[in-house]
């Protein structure tokens, strides 16, 4: 169950963008992440709370600002390996009927 929750945290596009940003830029404030990703501060803060609760990122207070970074080397390695795997196997991943059917089902349920 915890493993499923960990990967669910990474499966959201906004959260994944945050993780990739932190992986590439290191420790960053909410304001820096918000500016770089062009999203609202409340949305970024919401996703950072999820990522923190799932052990994907950690937070450090510096004065009145909070700085977020990847939680540890294990998380960084998992994400880097996932990137390598996705790059090597992008064609078959994008052609996965099961995932594509799930996305269509979710969109239909949302009325999209």
PDB file of N, CA and C in Angstrom:
ATOM      1  N   UNK A   1       0.815  -1.192   0.000  1.00  0.00           N
ATOM      2  CA  UNK A   1       0.000   0.000   0.000  1.00  0.00           C
ATOM      3  C   UNK A   1       0.863   1.263   0.000  1.00  0.00           C
ATOM      4  N   UNK A   2       1.900   1.310   0.815  1.00  0.00           N
ATOM      5  CA  UNK A   2       2.772   2.486   0.856  1.00  0.00           C
ATOM      6  C   UNK A   2       3.479   2.679  -0.477  1.00  0.00           C
ATOM      7  N   UNK A   3       3.894   1.580  -1.098  1.00  0.00           N
ATOM      8  CA  UNK A   3       4.561   1.673  -2.399  1.00  0.00           C
ATOM      9  C   UNK A   3       3.616   2.253  -3.446  1.00  0.00           C
ATOM     10  N   UNK A   4       2.374   1.790  -3.422  1.00  0.00           N
ATOM     11  CA  UNK A   4       1.372   2.313  -4.358  1.00  0.00           C
ATOM     12  C   UNK A   4       1.166   3.812  -4.142  1.00  0.00           C
ATOM     13  N   UNK A   5       1.089   4.233  -2.902  1.00  0.00           N
ATOM     14  CA  UNK A   5       0.895   5.650  -2.587  1.00  0.00           C
ATOM     15  C   UNK A   5       2.098   6.482  -3.043  1.00  0.00           C
ATOM     16  N   UNK A   6       3.306   5.932  -2.868  1.00  0.00           N
ATOM     17  CA  UNK A   6       4.518   6.623  -3.306  1.00  0.00           C
ATOM     18  C   UNK A   6       4.456   6.894  -4.803  1.00  0.00           C
ATOM     19  N   UNK A   7       4.128   5.865  -5.582  1.00  0.00           N
ATOM     20  CA  UNK A   7       4.076   6.037  -7.032  1.00  0.00           C
ATOM     21  C   UNK A   7       2.861   6.851  -7.468  1.00  0.00           C
ATOM     22  N   UNK A   8       1.782   6.804  -6.711  1.00  0.00           N
ATOM     23  CA  UNK A   8       0.628   7.654  -7.005  1.00  0.00           C
ATOM     24  C   UNK A   8       1.012   9.121  -6.841  1.00  0.00           C
ATOM     25  N   UNK A   9       1.803   9.415  -5.828  1.00  0.00           N
ATOM     26  CA  UNK A   9       2.272  10.789  -5.627  1.00  0.00           C
ATOM     27  C   UNK A   9       3.056  11.273  -6.837  1.00  0.00           C
ATOM     28  N   UNK A  10       3.842  10.396  -7.433  1.00  0.00           N
ATOM     29  CA  UNK A  10       4.647  10.772  -8.593  1.00  0.00           C
ATOM     30  C   UNK A  10       3.858  10.755  -9.897  1.00  0.00           C
ATOM     31  N   UNK A  11       2.679  10.145  -9.903  1.00  0.00           N
ATOM     32  CA  UNK A  11       1.944   9.994 -11.159  1.00  0.00           C
ATOM     33  C   UNK A  11       1.167  11.246 -11.569  1.00  0.00           C
ATOM     34  N   UNK A  12       0.974  12.176 -10.657  1.00  0.00           N
ATOM     35  CA  UNK A  12       0.296  13.420 -11.005  1.00  0.00           C
ATOM     36  C   UNK A  12       1.260  14.323 -11.774  1.00  0.00           C
ATOM     37  N   UNK A  13       0.801  14.872 -12.894  1.00  0.00           N
ATOM     38  CA  UNK A  13       1.676  15.677 -13.757  1.00  0.00           C
ATOM     39  C   UNK A  13       2.291  16.862 -13.021  1.00  0.00           C
ATOM     40  N   UNK A  14       1.507  17.592 -12.251  1.00  0.00           N
ATOM     41  CA  UNK A  14       2.041  18.759 -11.536  1.00  0.00           C
ATOM     42  C   UNK A  14       3.082  18.348 -10.503  1.00  0.00           C
ATOM     43  N   UNK A  15       2.803  17.283  -9.767  1.00  0.00           N
ATOM     44  CA  UNK A  15       3.776  16.825  -8.768  1.00  0.00           C
ATOM     45  C   UNK A  15       5.045  16.320  -9.441  1.00  0.00           C
ATOM     46  N   UNK A  16       4.894  15.632 -10.556  1.00  0.00           N
ATOM     47  CA  UNK A  16       6.073  15.150 -11.278  1.00  0.00           C
ATOM     48  C   UNK A  16       6.906  16.328 -11.784  1.00  0.00           C
ATOM     49  N   UNK A  17       6.254  17.367 -12.283  1.00  0.00           N
ATOM     50  CA  UNK A  17       6.989  18.557 -12.728  1.00  0.00           C
ATOM     51  C   UNK A  17       7.753  19.191 -11.570  1.00  0.00           C
ATOM     52  N   UNK A  18       7.149  19.231 -10.401  1.00  0.00           N
ATOM     53  CA  UNK A  18       7.832  19.773  -9.220  1.00  0.00           C
ATOM     54  C   UNK A  18       9.059  18.930  -8.890  1.00  0.00           C
ATOM     55  N   UNK A  19       8.897  17.618  -8.882  1.00  0.00           N
ATOM     56  CA  UNK A  19      10.011  16.717  -8.568  1.00  0.00           C
ATOM     57  C   UNK A  19      11.132  16.884  -9.588  1.00  0.00           C
ATOM     58  N   UNK A  20      10.791  16.943 -10.861  1.00  0.00           N
ATOM     59  CA  UNK A  20      11.813  17.116 -11.900  1.00  0.00           C
ATOM     60  C   UNK A  20      12.509  18.465 -11.760  1.00  0.00           C
ATOM     61  N   UNK A  21      11.754  19.499 -11.426  1.00  0.00           N
ATOM     62  CA  UNK A  21      12.352  20.816 -11.206  1.00  0.00           C
ATOM     63  C   UNK A  21      13.356  20.760 -10.059  1.00  0.00           C
ATOM     64  N   UNK A  22      12.949  20.165  -8.945  1.00  0.00           N
ATOM     65  CA  UNK A  22      13.844  20.074  -7.785  1.00  0.00           C
ATOM     66  C   UNK A  22      15.059  19.209  -8.080  1.00  0.00           C
ATOM     67  N   UNK A  23      14.872  18.169  -8.853  1.00  0.00           N
ATOM     68  CA  UNK A  23      15.987  17.302  -9.220  1.00  0.00           C
ATOM     69  C   UNK A  23      17.022  18.082 -10.037  1.00  0.00           C
ATOM     70  N   UNK A  24      16.538  18.958 -10.917  1.00  0.00           N
ATOM     71  CA  UNK A  24      17.439  19.722 -11.788  1.00  0.00           C
ATOM     72  C   UNK A  24      17.982  20.997 -11.152  1.00  0.00           C
ATOM     73  N   UNK A  25      17.231  21.607 -10.231  1.00  0.00           N
ATOM     74  CA  UNK A  25      17.624  22.901  -9.683  1.00  0.00           C
ATOM     75  C   UNK A  25      18.019  22.869  -8.213  1.00  0.00           C
ATOM     76  N   UNK A  26      17.796  21.764  -7.554  1.00  0.00           N
ATOM     77  CA  UNK A  26      18.141  21.668  -6.143  1.00  0.00           C
ATOM     78  C   UNK A  26      17.158  22.419  -5.263  1.00  0.00           C
ATOM     79  N   UNK A  27      17.559  22.672  -4.052  1.00  0.00           N
ATOM     80  CA  UNK A  27      16.712  23.301  -3.043  1.00  0.00           C
ATOM     81  C   UNK A  27      16.121  24.606  -3.572  1.00  0.00           C
ATOM     82  N   UNK A  28      14.789  24.715  -3.480  1.00  0.00           N
ATOM     83  CA  UNK A  28      14.089  25.878  -4.036  1.00  0.00           C
ATOM     84  C   UNK A  28      12.916  26.261  -3.143  1.00  0.00           C
ATOM     85  N   UNK A  29      12.611  27.549  -3.149  1.00  0.00           N
ATOM     86  CA  UNK A  29      11.460  28.040  -2.386  1.00  0.00           C
ATOM     87  C   UNK A  29      10.178  27.806  -3.179  1.00  0.00           C
ATOM     88  N   UNK A  30       9.062  27.896  -2.488  1.00  0.00           N
ATOM     89  CA  UNK A  30       7.757  27.772  -3.150  1.00  0.00           C
ATOM     90  C   UNK A  30       7.643  28.835  -4.240  1.00  0.00           C
ATOM     91  N   UNK A  31       8.117  30.037  -3.954  1.00  0.00           N
ATOM     92  CA  UNK A  31       8.039  31.123  -4.921  1.00  0.00           C
ATOM     93  C   UNK A  31       8.849  30.804  -6.180  1.00  0.00           C
ATOM     94  N   UNK A  32      10.035  30.232  -6.011  1.00  0.00           N
ATOM     95  CA  UNK A  32      10.866  29.870  -7.166  1.00  0.00           C
ATOM     96  C   UNK A  32      10.198  28.781  -8.008  1.00  0.00           C
ATOM     97  N   UNK A  33       9.630  27.800  -7.342  1.00  0.00           N
ATOM     98  CA  UNK A  33       8.950  26.708  -8.050  1.00  0.00           C
ATOM     99  C   UNK A  33       7.723  27.247  -8.778  1.00  0.00           C
ATOM    100  N   UNK A  34       6.956  28.091  -8.097  1.00  0.00           N
ATOM    101  CA  UNK A  34       5.753  28.692  -8.682  1.00  0.00           C
ATOM    102  C   UNK A  34       6.096  29.470  -9.948  1.00  0.00           C
ATOM    103  N   UNK A  35       7.121  30.293  -9.863  1.00  0.00           N
ATOM    104  CA  UNK A  35       7.533  31.109 -11.010  1.00  0.00           C
ATOM    105  C   UNK A  35       8.006  30.234 -12.163  1.00  0.00           C
ATOM    106  N   UNK A  36       8.815  29.242 -11.860  1.00  0.00           N
ATOM    107  CA  UNK A  36       9.373  28.382 -12.908  1.00  0.00           C
ATOM    108  C   UNK A  36       8.308  27.549 -13.612  1.00  0.00           C
ATOM    109  N   UNK A  37       7.318  27.075 -12.863  1.00  0.00           N
ATOM    110  CA  UNK A  37       6.307  26.185 -13.441  1.00  0.00           C
ATOM    111  C   UNK A  37       5.056  26.921 -13.908  1.00  0.00           C
ATOM    112  N   UNK A  38       4.944  28.198 -13.559  1.00  0.00           N
ATOM    113  CA  UNK A  38       3.806  28.988 -14.006  1.00  0.00           C
ATOM    114  C   UNK A  38       2.473  28.542 -13.431  1.00  0.00           C
ATOM    115  N   UNK A  39       2.504  28.085 -12.209  1.00  0.00           N
ATOM    116  CA  UNK A  39       1.288  27.636 -11.522  1.00  0.00           C
ATOM    117  C   UNK A  39       1.046  28.529 -10.315  1.00  0.00           C
ATOM    118  N   UNK A  40      -0.153  28.453  -9.761  1.00  0.00           N
ATOM    119  CA  UNK A  40      -0.471  29.272  -8.586  1.00  0.00           C
ATOM    120  C   UNK A  40       0.293  28.759  -7.365  1.00  0.00           C
ATOM    121  N   UNK A  41       0.568  29.671  -6.452  1.00  0.00           N
ATOM    122  CA  UNK A  41       1.287  29.288  -5.242  1.00  0.00           C
ATOM    123  C   UNK A  41       0.482  28.300  -4.412  1.00  0.00           C
ATOM    124  N   UNK A  42      -0.834  28.469  -4.377  1.00  0.00           N
ATOM    125  CA  UNK A  42      -1.654  27.541  -3.587  1.00  0.00           C
ATOM    126  C   UNK A  42      -1.603  26.131  -4.170  1.00  0.00           C
ATOM    127  N   UNK A  43      -1.601  26.017  -5.500  1.00  0.00           N
ATOM    128  CA  UNK A  43      -1.514  24.697  -6.129  1.00  0.00           C
ATOM    129  C   UNK A  43      -0.160  24.049  -5.842  1.00  0.00           C
ATOM    130  N   UNK A  44       0.912  24.822  -5.989  1.00  0.00           N
ATOM    131  CA  UNK A  44       2.258  24.295  -5.719  1.00  0.00           C
ATOM    132  C   UNK A  44       2.367  23.873  -4.258  1.00  0.00           C
ATOM    133  N   UNK A  45       1.883  24.689  -3.347  1.00  0.00           N
ATOM    134  CA  UNK A  45       1.939  24.353  -1.918  1.00  0.00           C
ATOM    135  C   UNK A  45       1.150  23.085  -1.621  1.00  0.00           C
ATOM    136  N   UNK A  46      -0.003  22.948  -2.248  1.00  0.00           N
ATOM    137  CA  UNK A  46      -0.833  21.744  -2.077  1.00  0.00           C
ATOM    138  C   UNK A  46      -0.060  20.498  -2.516  1.00  0.00           C
ATOM    139  N   UNK A  47       0.554  20.561  -3.684  1.00  0.00           N
ATOM    140  CA  UNK A  47       1.296  19.407  -4.192  1.00  0.00           C
ATOM    141  C   UNK A  47       2.566  19.143  -3.380  1.00  0.00           C
ATOM    142  N   UNK A  48       3.226  20.194  -2.926  1.00  0.00           N
ATOM    143  CA  UNK A  48       4.412  20.002  -2.088  1.00  0.00           C
ATOM    144  C   UNK A  48       4.051  19.318  -0.774  1.00  0.00           C
ATOM    145  N   UNK A  49       2.905  19.646  -0.214  1.00  0.00           N
ATOM    146  CA  UNK A  49       2.465  18.982   1.024  1.00  0.00           C
ATOM    147  C   UNK A  49       2.287  17.489   0.791  1.00  0.00           C
ATOM    148  N   UNK A  50       1.685  17.121  -0.328  1.00  0.00           N
ATOM    149  CA  UNK A  50       1.519  15.704  -0.669  1.00  0.00           C
ATOM    150  C   UNK A  50       2.877  15.029  -0.825  1.00  0.00           C
ATOM    151  N   UNK A  51       3.770  15.663  -1.575  1.00  0.00           N
ATOM    152  CA  UNK A  51       5.099  15.085  -1.808  1.00  0.00           C
ATOM    153  C   UNK A  51       5.884  14.962  -0.506  1.00  0.00           C
ATOM    154  N   UNK A  52       5.736  15.929   0.376  1.00  0.00           N
ATOM    155  CA  UNK A  52       6.407  15.866   1.681  1.00  0.00           C
ATOM    156  C   UNK A  52       5.838  14.727   2.518  1.00  0.00           C
ATOM    157  N   UNK A  53       4.517  14.607   2.560  1.00  0.00           N
ATOM    158  CA  UNK A  53       3.875  13.539   3.338  1.00  0.00           C
ATOM    159  C   UNK A  53       4.242  12.154   2.828  1.00  0.00           C
ATOM    160  N   UNK A  54       4.506  12.043   1.531  1.00  0.00           N
ATOM    161  CA  UNK A  54       4.870  10.748   0.938  1.00  0.00           C
ATOM    162  C   UNK A  54       6.374  10.493   0.972  1.00  0.00           C
ATOM    163  N   UNK A  55       7.139  11.415   1.546  1.00  0.00           N
ATOM    164  CA  UNK A  55       8.576  11.221   1.679  1.00  0.00           C
ATOM    165  C   UNK A  55       9.360  11.451   0.404  1.00  0.00           C
ATOM    166  N   UNK A  56       8.772  12.165  -0.553  1.00  0.00           N
ATOM    167  CA  UNK A  56       9.457  12.430  -1.821  1.00  0.00           C
ATOM    168  C   UNK A  56      10.328  13.674  -1.715  1.00  0.00           C
ATOM    169  N   UNK A  57       9.838  14.683  -1.001  1.00  0.00           N
ATOM    170  CA  UNK A  57      10.617  15.903  -0.789  1.00  0.00           C
ATOM    171  C   UNK A  57      10.731  16.177   0.706  1.00  0.00           C
ATOM    172  N   UNK A  58      11.692  17.006   1.039  1.00  0.00           N
ATOM    173  CA  UNK A  58      11.847  17.465   2.423  1.00  0.00           C
ATOM    174  C   UNK A  58      11.828  18.990   2.403  1.00  0.00           C
ATOM    175  N   UNK A  59      11.554  19.574   3.545  1.00  0.00           N
ATOM    176  CA  UNK A  59      11.463  21.028   3.648  1.00  0.00           C
ATOM    177  C   UNK A  59      12.421  21.520   4.720  1.00  0.00           C
ATOM    178  N   UNK A  60      13.012  22.674   4.455  1.00  0.00           N
ATOM    179  CA  UNK A  60      13.918  23.312   5.412  1.00  0.00           C
ATOM    180  C   UNK A  60      13.504  24.774   5.529  1.00  0.00           C
ATOM    181  N   UNK A  61      13.286  25.228   6.754  1.00  0.00           N
ATOM    182  CA  UNK A  61      12.934  26.632   6.983  1.00  0.00           C
ATOM    183  C   UNK A  61      14.209  27.459   7.056  1.00  0.00           C
ATOM    184  N   UNK A  62      14.214  28.557   6.300  1.00  0.00           N
ATOM    185  CA  UNK A  62      15.308  29.531   6.357  1.00  0.00           C
ATOM    186  C   UNK A  62      14.664  30.898   6.520  1.00  0.00           C
ATOM    187  N   UNK A  63      14.695  31.384   7.745  1.00  0.00           N
ATOM    188  CA  UNK A  63      14.007  32.644   8.023  1.00  0.00           C
ATOM    189  C   UNK A  63      12.517  32.452   7.847  1.00  0.00           C
ATOM    190  N   UNK A  64      11.901  33.304   7.040  1.00  0.00           N
ATOM    191  CA  UNK A  64      10.460  33.180   6.834  1.00  0.00           C
ATOM    192  C   UNK A  64      10.104  32.363   5.600  1.00  0.00           C
ATOM    193  N   UNK A  65      11.094  31.777   4.935  1.00  0.00           N
ATOM    194  CA  UNK A  65      10.834  31.002   3.724  1.00  0.00           C
ATOM    195  C   UNK A  65      11.098  29.516   3.944  1.00  0.00           C
ATOM    196  N   UNK A  66      10.365  28.704   3.203  1.00  0.00           N
ATOM    197  CA  UNK A  66      10.555  27.254   3.211  1.00  0.00           C
ATOM    198  C   UNK A  66      11.214  26.852   1.903  1.00  0.00           C
ATOM    199  N   UNK A  67      12.234  26.025   2.004  1.00  0.00           N
ATOM    200  CA  UNK A  67      12.939  25.535   0.823  1.00  0.00           C
ATOM    201  C   UNK A  67      12.757  24.026   0.729  1.00  0.00           C
ATOM    202  N   UNK A  68      12.405  23.586  -0.455  1.00  0.00           N
ATOM    203  CA  UNK A  68      12.123  22.175  -0.698  1.00  0.00           C
ATOM    204  C   UNK A  68      13.222  21.569  -1.546  1.00  0.00           C
ATOM    205  N   UNK A  69      13.505  20.299  -1.273  1.00  0.00           N
ATOM    206  CA  UNK A  69      14.478  19.545  -2.065  1.00  0.00           C
ATOM    207  C   UNK A  69      14.060  18.077  -2.068  1.00  0.00           C
ATOM    208  N   UNK A  70      14.680  17.310  -2.943  1.00  0.00           N
ATOM    209  CA  UNK A  70      14.410  15.873  -2.995  1.00  0.00           C
ATOM    210  C   UNK A  70      14.803  15.286  -1.643  1.00  0.00           C
ATOM    211  N   UNK A  71      13.983  14.395  -1.110  1.00  0.00           N
ATOM    212  CA  UNK A  71      14.130  13.907   0.266  1.00  0.00           C
ATOM    213  C   UNK A  71      15.471  13.241   0.543  1.00  0.00           C
ATOM    214  N   UNK A  72      15.949  12.438  -0.396  1.00  0.00           N
ATOM    215  CA  UNK A  72      17.205  11.715  -0.165  1.00  0.00           C
ATOM    216  C   UNK A  72      17.720  11.134  -1.482  1.00  0.00           C
ATOM    217  N   UNK A  73      18.900  10.528  -1.418  1.00  0.00           N
ATOM    218  CA  UNK A  73      19.516   9.960  -2.623  1.00  0.00           C
ATOM    219  C   UNK A  73      18.701   8.822  -3.216  1.00  0.00           C
ATOM    220  N   UNK A  74      18.001   8.063  -2.376  1.00  0.00           N
ATOM    221  CA  UNK A  74      17.191   6.947  -2.880  1.00  0.00           C
ATOM    222  C   UNK A  74      16.069   7.460  -3.778  1.00  0.00           C
ATOM    223  N   UNK A  75      15.378   8.509  -3.334  1.00  0.00           N
ATOM    224  CA  UNK A  75      14.302   9.086  -4.150  1.00  0.00           C
ATOM    225  C   UNK A  75      14.877   9.644  -5.448  1.00  0.00           C
ATOM    226  N   UNK A  76      15.995  10.355  -5.355  1.00  0.00           N
ATOM    227  CA  UNK A  76      16.626  10.901  -6.564  1.00  0.00           C
ATOM    228  C   UNK A  76      16.988   9.781  -7.532  1.00  0.00           C
ATOM    229  N   UNK A  77      17.522   8.688  -7.022  1.00  0.00           N
ATOM    230  CA  UNK A  77      17.888   7.547  -7.875  1.00  0.00           C
ATOM    231  C   UNK A  77      16.668   6.919  -8.534  1.00  0.00           C
ATOM    232  N   UNK A  78      15.585   6.759  -7.774  1.00  0.00           N
ATOM    233  CA  UNK A  78      14.354   6.182  -8.331  1.00  0.00           C
ATOM    234  C   UNK A  78      13.854   7.031  -9.493  1.00  0.00           C
ATOM    235  N   UNK A  79      13.826   8.342  -9.295  1.00  0.00           N
ATOM    236  CA  UNK A  79      13.322   9.237 -10.339  1.00  0.00           C
ATOM    237  C   UNK A  79      14.252   9.210 -11.552  1.00  0.00           C
ATOM    238  N   UNK A  80      15.560   9.249 -11.324  1.00  0.00           N
ATOM    239  CA  UNK A  80      16.512   9.210 -12.442  1.00  0.00           C
ATOM    240  C   UNK A  80      16.400   7.907 -13.220  1.00  0.00           C
ATOM    241  N   UNK A  81      16.266   6.791 -12.521  1.00  0.00           N
ATOM    242  CA  UNK A  81      16.091   5.501 -13.204  1.00  0.00           C
ATOM    243  C   UNK A  81      14.785   5.462 -13.986  1.00  0.00           C
ATOM    244  N   UNK A  82      13.733   6.042 -13.429  1.00  0.00           N
ATOM    245  CA  UNK A  82      12.444   6.093 -14.132  1.00  0.00           C
ATOM    246  C   UNK A  82      12.555   6.930 -15.401  1.00  0.00           C
ATOM    247  N   UNK A  83      13.288   8.035 -15.334  1.00  0.00           N
ATOM    248  CA  UNK A  83      13.499   8.875 -16.516  1.00  0.00           C
ATOM    249  C   UNK A  83      14.233   8.088 -17.593  1.00  0.00           C
ATOM    250  N   UNK A  84      15.312   7.420 -17.211  1.00  0.00           N
ATOM    251  CA  UNK A  84      16.081   6.612 -18.171  1.00  0.00           C
ATOM    252  C   UNK A  84      15.204   5.536 -18.799  1.00  0.00           C
ATOM    253  N   UNK A  85      14.436   4.852 -17.974  1.00  0.00           N
ATOM    254  CA  UNK A  85      13.561   3.788 -18.469  1.00  0.00           C
ATOM    255  C   UNK A  85      12.522   4.356 -19.442  1.00  0.00           C
ATOM    256  N   UNK A  86      11.902   5.468 -19.077  1.00  0.00           N
ATOM    257  CA  UNK A  86      10.879   6.078 -19.933  1.00  0.00           C
ATOM    258  C   UNK A  86      11.467   6.537 -21.261  1.00  0.00           C
ATOM    259  N   UNK A  87      12.680   7.060 -21.229  1.00  0.00           N
ATOM    260  CA  UNK A  87      13.323   7.506 -22.469  1.00  0.00           C
ATOM    261  C   UNK A  87      13.639   6.323 -23.378  1.00  0.00           C
ATOM    262  N   UNK A  88      14.120   5.244 -22.794  1.00  0.00           N
ATOM    263  CA  UNK A  88      14.472   4.060 -23.588  1.00  0.00           C
ATOM    264  C   UNK A  88      13.247   3.322 -24.121  1.00  0.00           C
ATOM    265  N   UNK A  89      12.145   3.429 -23.417  1.00  0.00           N
ATOM    266  CA  UNK A  89      10.954   2.642 -23.751  1.00  0.00           C
ATOM    267  C   UNK A  89       9.738   3.504 -24.059  1.00  0.00           C
ATOM    268  N   UNK A  90       9.956   4.728 -24.485  1.00  0.00           N
ATOM    269  CA  UNK A  90       8.839   5.662 -24.662  1.00  0.00           C
ATOM    270  C   UNK A  90       7.795   5.153 -25.655  1.00  0.00           C
ATOM    271  N   UNK A  91       8.232   4.544 -26.729  1.00  0.00           N
ATOM    272  CA  UNK A  91       7.281   4.068 -27.738  1.00  0.00           C
ATOM    273  C   UNK A  91       6.317   3.033 -27.152  1.00  0.00           C
ATOM    274  N   UNK A  92       6.854   2.038 -26.460  1.00  0.00           N
ATOM    275  CA  UNK A  92       5.981   0.998 -25.902  1.00  0.00           C
ATOM    276  C   UNK A  92       5.154   1.527 -24.729  1.00  0.00           C
ATOM    277  N   UNK A  93       5.717   2.432 -23.948  1.00  0.00           N
ATOM    278  CA  UNK A  93       4.962   3.012 -22.834  1.00  0.00           C
ATOM    279  C   UNK A  93       3.774   3.808 -23.369  1.00  0.00           C
ATOM    280  N   UNK A  94       4.012   4.637 -24.378  1.00  0.00           N
ATOM    281  CA  UNK A  94       2.942   5.453 -24.951  1.00  0.00           C
ATOM    282  C   UNK A  94       1.887   4.617 -25.663  1.00  0.00           C
ATOM    283  N   UNK A  95       2.267   3.411 -26.089  1.00  0.00           N
ATOM    284  CA  UNK A  95       1.325   2.533 -26.795  1.00  0.00           C
ATOM    285  C   UNK A  95       0.579   1.586 -25.856  1.00  0.00           C
ATOM    286  N   UNK A  96       0.807   1.689 -24.569  1.00  0.00           N
ATOM    287  CA  UNK A  96       0.183   0.773 -23.606  1.00  0.00           C
ATOM    288  C   UNK A  96      -1.335   0.942 -23.605  1.00  0.00           C
ATOM    289  N   UNK A  97      -2.034  -0.073 -24.101  1.00  0.00           N
ATOM    290  CA  UNK A  97      -3.497  -0.020 -24.194  1.00  0.00           C
ATOM    291  C   UNK A  97      -4.160   0.101 -22.826  1.00  0.00           C
ATOM    292  N   UNK A  98      -3.630  -0.575 -21.843  1.00  0.00           N
ATOM    293  CA  UNK A  98      -4.249  -0.556 -20.513  1.00  0.00           C
ATOM    294  C   UNK A  98      -4.233   0.859 -19.937  1.00  0.00           C
ATOM    295  N   UNK A  99      -3.093   1.512 -19.976  1.00  0.00           N
ATOM    296  CA  UNK A  99      -2.990   2.873 -19.440  1.00  0.00           C
ATOM    297  C   UNK A  99      -3.857   3.828 -20.252  1.00  0.00           C
ATOM    298  N   UNK A 100      -3.823   3.697 -21.569  1.00  0.00           N
ATOM    299  CA  UNK A 100      -4.640   4.573 -22.412  1.00  0.00           C
ATOM    300  C   UNK A 100      -6.129   4.387 -22.139  1.00  0.00           C
ATOM    301  N   UNK A 101      -6.564   3.157 -21.932  1.00  0.00           N
ATOM    302  CA  UNK A 101      -7.974   2.898 -21.608  1.00  0.00           C
ATOM    303  C   UNK A 101      -8.342   3.501 -20.257  1.00  0.00           C
ATOM    304  N   UNK A 102      -7.433   3.403 -19.287  1.00  0.00           N
ATOM    305  CA  UNK A 102      -7.698   3.983 -17.969  1.00  0.00           C
ATOM    306  C   UNK A 102      -7.846   5.497 -18.064  1.00  0.00           C
ATOM    307  N   UNK A 103      -6.997   6.137 -18.882  1.00  0.00           N
ATOM    308  CA  UNK A 103      -7.086   7.590 -19.039  1.00  0.00           C
ATOM    309  C   UNK A 103      -8.402   7.990 -19.690  1.00  0.00           C
ATOM    310  N   UNK A 104      -8.831   7.245 -20.698  1.00  0.00           N
ATOM    311  CA  UNK A 104     -10.108   7.535 -21.348  1.00  0.00           C
ATOM    312  C   UNK A 104     -11.243   7.376 -20.351  1.00  0.00           C
ATOM    313  N   UNK A 105     -11.200   6.318 -19.562  1.00  0.00           N
ATOM    314  CA  UNK A 105     -12.236   6.065 -18.562  1.00  0.00           C
ATOM    315  C   UNK A 105     -12.303   7.192 -17.540  1.00  0.00           C
ATOM    316  N   UNK A 106     -11.161   7.645 -17.067  1.00  0.00           N
ATOM    317  CA  UNK A 106     -11.114   8.745 -16.095  1.00  0.00           C
ATOM    318  C   UNK A 106     -11.689  10.008 -16.719  1.00  0.00           C
ATOM    319  N   UNK A 107     -11.305  10.307 -17.962  1.00  0.00           N
ATOM    320  CA  UNK A 107     -11.807  11.510 -18.629  1.00  0.00           C
ATOM    321  C   UNK A 107     -13.315  11.445 -18.854  1.00  0.00           C
ATOM    322  N   UNK A 108     -13.832  10.272 -19.200  1.00  0.00           N
ATOM    323  CA  UNK A 108     -15.276  10.121 -19.380  1.00  0.00           C
ATOM    324  C   UNK A 108     -16.011  10.337 -18.064  1.00  0.00           C
ATOM    325  N   UNK A 109     -15.442   9.816 -16.988  1.00  0.00           N
ATOM    326  CA  UNK A 109     -16.061   9.990 -15.670  1.00  0.00           C
ATOM    327  C   UNK A 109     -16.055  11.449 -15.222  1.00  0.00           C
ATOM    328  N   UNK A 110     -15.066  12.192 -15.685  1.00  0.00           N
ATOM    329  CA  UNK A 110     -14.977  13.618 -15.344  1.00  0.00           C
ATOM    330  C   UNK A 110     -15.815  14.479 -16.290  1.00  0.00           C
ATOM    331  N   UNK A 111     -16.335  13.865 -17.343  1.00  0.00           N
ATOM    332  CA  UNK A 111     -17.129  14.618 -18.311  1.00  0.00           C
ATOM    333  C   UNK A 111     -16.294  15.359 -19.328  1.00  0.00           C
ATOM    334  N   UNK A 112     -15.051  14.914 -19.533  1.00  0.00           N
ATOM    335  CA  UNK A 112     -14.163  15.577 -20.504  1.00  0.00           C
ATOM    336  C   UNK A 112     -14.264  14.952 -21.873  1.00  0.00           C
TER     337      UNK A 112
END
